[in-house]
C-alpha atoms as a PDB file:
ATOM      1  CA  MET A   1     -13.096 168.031  -1.564  1.00  0.00           C
ATOM      2  CA  SER A   2     -10.981 169.484  -4.355  1.00  0.00           C
ATOM      3  CA  LYS A   3      -9.849 173.069  -4.447  1.00  0.00           C
ATOM      4  CA  GLN A   4     -10.899 175.346  -7.273  1.00  0.00           C
ATOM      5  CA  LYS A   5      -8.124 175.950  -9.772  1.00  0.00           C
ATOM      6  CA  ILE A   6      -7.713 179.103 -11.811  1.00  0.00           C
ATOM      7  CA  LYS A   7      -5.180 180.318 -14.311  1.00  0.00           C
ATOM      8  CA  VAL A   8      -2.488 182.534 -12.790  1.00  0.00           C
ATOM      9  CA  LYS A   9      -2.503 186.094 -14.107  1.00  0.00           C
ATOM     10  CA  LEU A  10       0.468 188.321 -13.284  1.00  0.00           C
ATOM     11  CA  GLY A  11      -0.118 191.908 -12.160  1.00  0.00           C
ATOM     12  CA  ASN A  12      -3.560 191.130 -10.791  1.00  0.00           C
ATOM     13  CA  ALA A  13      -2.802 191.293  -7.062  1.00  0.00           C
ATOM     14  CA  PRO A  14      -5.702 191.619  -4.637  1.00  0.00           C
ATOM     15  CA  LYS A  15      -5.939 194.485  -2.144  1.00  0.00           C
ATOM     16  CA  ASN A  16      -6.250 191.995   0.687  1.00  0.00           C
ATOM     17  CA  PHE A  17      -6.769 188.307   1.422  1.00  0.00           C
ATOM     18  CA  LYS A  18      -8.286 186.320   4.256  1.00  0.00           C
ATOM     19  CA  LYS A  19      -6.672 183.627   6.368  1.00  0.00           C
ATOM     20  CA  VAL A  20      -7.800 181.848   9.503  1.00  0.00           C
ATOM     21  CA  VAL A  21      -5.419 182.184  12.443  1.00  0.00           C
ATOM     22  CA  GLU A  22      -5.535 179.504  15.120  1.00  0.00           C
ATOM     23  CA  ILE A  23      -4.861 180.654  18.659  1.00  0.00           C
ATOM     24  CA  VAL A  24      -4.411 178.328  21.610  1.00  0.00           C
ATOM     25  CA  LEU A  25      -6.652 179.683  24.345  1.00  0.00           C
ATOM     26  CA  LEU A  26      -5.650 179.359  27.988  1.00  0.00           C
ATOM     27  CA  SER A  27      -8.166 176.533  28.366  1.00  0.00           C
ATOM     28  CA  GLY A  28      -6.189 174.591  25.750  1.00  0.00           C
ATOM     29  CA  VAL A  29      -8.973 174.879  23.179  1.00  0.00           C
ATOM     30  CA  ILE A  30      -8.093 176.207  19.729  1.00  0.00           C
ATOM     31  CA  GLY A  31      -9.789 179.485  18.873  1.00  0.00           C
ATOM     32  CA  GLU A  32     -10.015 180.825  15.348  1.00  0.00           C
ATOM     33  CA  ILE A  33      -9.923 184.362  14.026  1.00  0.00           C
ATOM     34  CA  GLU A  34     -10.412 185.075  10.342  1.00  0.00           C
ATOM     35  CA  MET A  35      -8.055 187.911   9.532  1.00  0.00           C
ATOM     36  CA  SER A  36      -8.237 190.222   6.552  1.00  0.00           C
ATOM     37  CA  PHE A  37      -4.594 190.762   5.639  1.00  0.00           C
ATOM     38  CA  ILE A  38      -3.158 193.500   3.445  1.00  0.00           C
ATOM     39  CA  TYR A  39      -1.611 192.007   0.322  1.00  0.00           C
ATOM     40  CA  ARG A  40       2.093 192.621  -0.176  1.00  0.00           C
ATOM     41  CA  THR A  41       4.524 191.071  -2.585  1.00  0.00           C
ATOM     42  CA  ARG A  42       7.450 189.238  -1.075  1.00  0.00           C
ATOM     43  CA  LYS A  43       9.711 192.260  -1.672  1.00  0.00           C
ATOM     44  CA  GLN A  44       7.171 194.671  -0.175  1.00  0.00           C
ATOM     45  CA  PHE A  45       7.005 192.417   2.883  1.00  0.00           C
ATOM     46  CA  ALA A  46      10.814 192.469   3.155  1.00  0.00           C
ATOM     47  CA  GLU A  47      10.716 196.291   3.081  1.00  0.00           C
ATOM     48  CA  LEU A  48       8.127 196.291   5.883  1.00  0.00           C
ATOM     49  CA  VAL A  49      10.293 193.998   8.015  1.00  0.00           C
ATOM     50  CA  ASP A  50      13.381 196.128   7.288  1.00  0.00           C
ATOM     51  CA  GLU A  51      11.473 199.235   8.461  1.00  0.00           C
ATOM     52  CA  ARG A  52      10.433 197.469  11.666  1.00  0.00           C
ATOM     53  CA  MET A  53      13.989 196.304  12.369  1.00  0.00           C
ATOM     54  CA  ALA A  54      15.407 199.788  11.704  1.00  0.00           C
ATOM     55  CA  ALA A  55      12.874 201.346  14.091  1.00  0.00           C
ATOM     56  CA  ALA A  56      13.765 198.809  16.796  1.00  0.00           C
ATOM     57  CA  ALA A  57      17.487 199.473  16.313  1.00  0.00           C
ATOM     58  CA  GLU A  58      16.907 203.231  16.542  1.00  0.00           C
ATOM     59  CA  ALA A  59      14.887 202.824  19.758  1.00  0.00           C
ATOM     60  CA  GLU A  60      17.693 200.725  21.279  1.00  0.00           C
ATOM     61  CA  LYS A  61      20.253 203.353  20.251  1.00  0.00           C
ATOM     62  CA  VAL A  62      18.227 206.165  21.858  1.00  0.00           C
ATOM     63  CA  GLU A  63      17.814 204.133  25.059  1.00  0.00           C
ATOM     64  CA  ALA A  64      21.556 203.372  25.185  1.00  0.00           C
ATOM     65  CA  GLU A  65      22.435 207.057  24.642  1.00  0.00           C
ATOM     66  CA  LYS A  66      20.055 208.107  27.422  1.00  0.00           C
ATOM     67  CA  GLN A  67      21.601 205.531  29.755  1.00  0.00           C
ATOM     68  CA  SER A  68      25.119 206.690  28.861  1.00  0.00           C
ATOM     69  CA  GLU A  69      24.227 210.344  29.514  1.00  0.00           C
ATOM     70  CA  LEU A  70      22.848 209.473  32.949  1.00  0.00           C
ATOM     71  CA  GLU A  71      25.984 207.505  33.839  1.00  0.00           C
ATOM     72  CA  THR A  72      28.299 210.241  32.533  1.00  0.00           C
ATOM     73  CA  ALA A  73      26.489 212.947  34.517  1.00  0.00           C
ATOM     74  CA  GLY A  74      26.781 210.899  37.705  1.00  0.00           C
ATOM     75  CA  ALA A  75      30.488 210.129  37.149  1.00  0.00           C
ATOM     76  CA  ALA A  76      31.272 213.794  36.447  1.00  0.00           C
ATOM     77  CA  GLY A  77      30.043 214.795  39.870  1.00  0.00           C
ATOM     78  CA  GLY A  78      26.738 216.102  38.620  1.00  0.00           C
ATOM     79  CA  ALA A  79      23.439 214.914  39.878  1.00  0.00           C
ATOM     80  CA  PRO A  80      23.561 211.267  40.870  1.00  0.00           C
ATOM     81  CA  ALA A  81      22.638 208.995  38.016  1.00  0.00           C
ATOM     82  CA  VAL A  82      19.129 207.707  38.416  1.00  0.00           C
ATOM     83  CA  VAL A  83      18.845 204.534  36.432  1.00  0.00           C
ATOM     84  CA  LYS A  84      15.352 203.109  36.396  1.00  0.00           C
ATOM     85  CA  SER A  85      15.371 199.422  35.737  1.00  0.00           C
ATOM     86  CA  LYS A  86      12.660 198.175  33.447  1.00  0.00           C
ATOM     87  CA  THR A  87      10.090 195.975  35.067  1.00  0.00           C
ATOM     88  CA  VAL A  88       8.634 192.849  33.539  1.00  0.00           C
ATOM     89  CA  LEU A  89       5.455 194.866  32.999  1.00  0.00           C
ATOM     90  CA  ASP A  90       7.479 197.464  31.049  1.00  0.00           C
ATOM     91  CA  TRP A  91       8.950 194.742  28.831  1.00  0.00           C
ATOM     92  CA  PHE A  92       5.541 193.148  28.221  1.00  0.00           C
ATOM     93  CA  ASN A  93       3.916 196.511  27.449  1.00  0.00           C
ATOM     94  CA  GLU A  94       6.647 197.498  24.983  1.00  0.00           C
ATOM     95  CA  ALA A  95       6.526 194.141  23.218  1.00  0.00           C
ATOM     96  CA  ASP A  96       2.729 194.049  23.082  1.00  0.00           C
ATOM     97  CA  GLU A  97       2.438 197.637  21.832  1.00  0.00           C
ATOM     98  CA  GLY A  98       5.041 196.971  19.127  1.00  0.00           C
ATOM     99  CA  ASN A  99       3.310 193.770  18.058  1.00  0.00           C
ATOM    100  CA  ALA A 100      -0.112 195.439  17.990  1.00  0.00           C
ATOM    101  CA  ALA A 101       1.274 198.275  15.839  1.00  0.00           C
ATOM    102  CA  TYR A 102       2.758 195.679  13.487  1.00  0.00           C
ATOM    103  CA  VAL A 103      -0.529 193.770  13.183  1.00  0.00           C
ATOM    104  CA  LEU A 104      -2.260 197.045  12.297  1.00  0.00           C
ATOM    105  CA  LYS A 105       0.239 197.385   9.418  1.00  0.00           C
ATOM    106  CA  ILE A 106      -0.332 193.877   8.057  1.00  0.00           C
ATOM    107  CA  ALA A 107      -4.086 193.505   8.538  1.00  0.00           C
ATOM    108  CA  ASP A 108      -7.184 195.619   8.053  1.00  0.00           C
ATOM    109  CA  GLY A 109      -9.857 193.637   9.870  1.00  0.00           C
ATOM    110  CA  TRP A 110     -11.060 190.449  11.511  1.00  0.00           C
ATOM    111  CA  ASP A 111     -14.264 188.515  12.117  1.00  0.00           C
ATOM    112  CA  LEU A 112     -14.478 189.206  15.862  1.00  0.00           C
ATOM    113  CA  ASP A 113     -17.393 191.198  17.288  1.00  0.00           C
ATOM    114  CA  ASP A 114     -14.870 193.620  18.780  1.00  0.00           C
ATOM    115  CA  PRO A 115     -13.543 196.476  16.631  1.00  0.00           C
ATOM    116  CA  PHE A 116     -10.190 195.936  14.934  1.00  0.00           C
ATOM    117  CA  THR A 117      -8.209 198.477  16.960  1.00  0.00           C
ATOM    118  CA  GLU A 118      -4.959 198.672  18.884  1.00  0.00           C
ATOM    119  CA  LYS A 119      -6.933 198.472  22.127  1.00  0.00           C
ATOM    120  CA  SER A 120      -8.657 195.239  21.037  1.00  0.00           C
ATOM    121  CA  LEU A 121      -5.372 193.744  19.830  1.00  0.00           C
ATOM    122  CA  LEU A 122      -3.746 194.530  23.179  1.00  0.00           C
ATOM    123  CA  GLN A 123      -6.676 192.941  25.000  1.00  0.00           C
ATOM    124  CA  LEU A 124      -6.428 189.862  22.773  1.00  0.00           C
ATOM    125  CA  GLU A 125      -2.716 189.493  23.588  1.00  0.00           C
ATOM    126  CA  ASN A 126      -3.248 190.127  27.305  1.00  0.00           C
ATOM    127  CA  GLU A 127      -5.970 187.486  27.521  1.00  0.00           C
ATOM    128  CA  ASN A 128      -4.330 185.049  25.073  1.00  0.00           C
ATOM    129  CA  PRO A 129      -0.533 185.405  25.163  1.00  0.00           C
ATOM    130  CA  GLY A 130       1.042 184.629  21.798  1.00  0.00           C
ATOM    131  CA  ALA A 131      -2.026 185.607  19.766  1.00  0.00           C
ATOM    132  CA  LEU A 132      -0.332 188.542  18.020  1.00  0.00           C
ATOM    133  CA  ASN A 133       2.673 186.379  17.188  1.00  0.00           C
ATOM    134  CA  ALA A 134       0.336 183.758  15.694  1.00  0.00           C
ATOM    135  CA  ILE A 135      -1.265 186.434  13.498  1.00  0.00           C
ATOM    136  CA  ALA A 136       2.149 187.697  12.339  1.00  0.00           C
ATOM    137  CA  THR A 137       3.327 184.146  11.619  1.00  0.00           C
ATOM    138  CA  VAL A 138       0.321 183.342   9.427  1.00  0.00           C
ATOM    139  CA  TYR A 139       0.908 186.564   7.489  1.00  0.00           C
ATOM    140  CA  ARG A 140       4.634 185.944   7.051  1.00  0.00           C
ATOM    141  CA  THR A 141       3.970 182.413   5.836  1.00  0.00           C
ATOM    142  CA  ALA A 142       1.375 183.652   3.345  1.00  0.00           C
ATOM    143  CA  VAL A 143       3.418 186.441   1.770  1.00  0.00           C
ATOM    144  CA  ALA A 144       7.044 185.422   2.171  1.00  0.00           C
ATOM    145  CA  GLU A 145       7.495 181.675   2.395  1.00  0.00           C
ATOM    146  CA  ALA A 146       7.264 178.987  -0.230  1.00  0.00           C
ATOM    147  CA  ARG A 147       3.919 177.303  -0.436  1.00  0.00           C
ATOM    148  CA  THR A 148       3.468 173.585  -0.738  1.00  0.00           C
ATOM    149  CA  LYS A 149       0.451 171.613  -1.887  1.00  0.00           C
ATOM    150  CA  ASN A 150      -1.633 170.363   1.035  1.00  0.00           C
END
């Protein structure tokens, strides 16, 4: 089967585009989700990634400052420093929430019966670890990486 060919026209970018994302289910079977992605140029995508990295760096800085304040207060004879260690659940929740927020910035829908919401994305990731990363990878490949003829 040959693909349809059209003449390229600059400045005629679509609002969105659809791609199928393959997700390995826990049973080992490949599941498919057709995602409706928000179109971005390569430079617009780079700006989005820069924003995400800056937000992550700021969150790390705030966490480090909070930790330092607790340690300083304890060393100065104030209230004993209470340092709560993050649990694995905390790490998973933070990562999943960040990834779900990112997917909501790069996509505007899918072909699942469930609504395209943060709650559904979190459920998808909880039930199928790596699903949100697979969605992000398909998007990155589509908007930022060189394409080759199949």
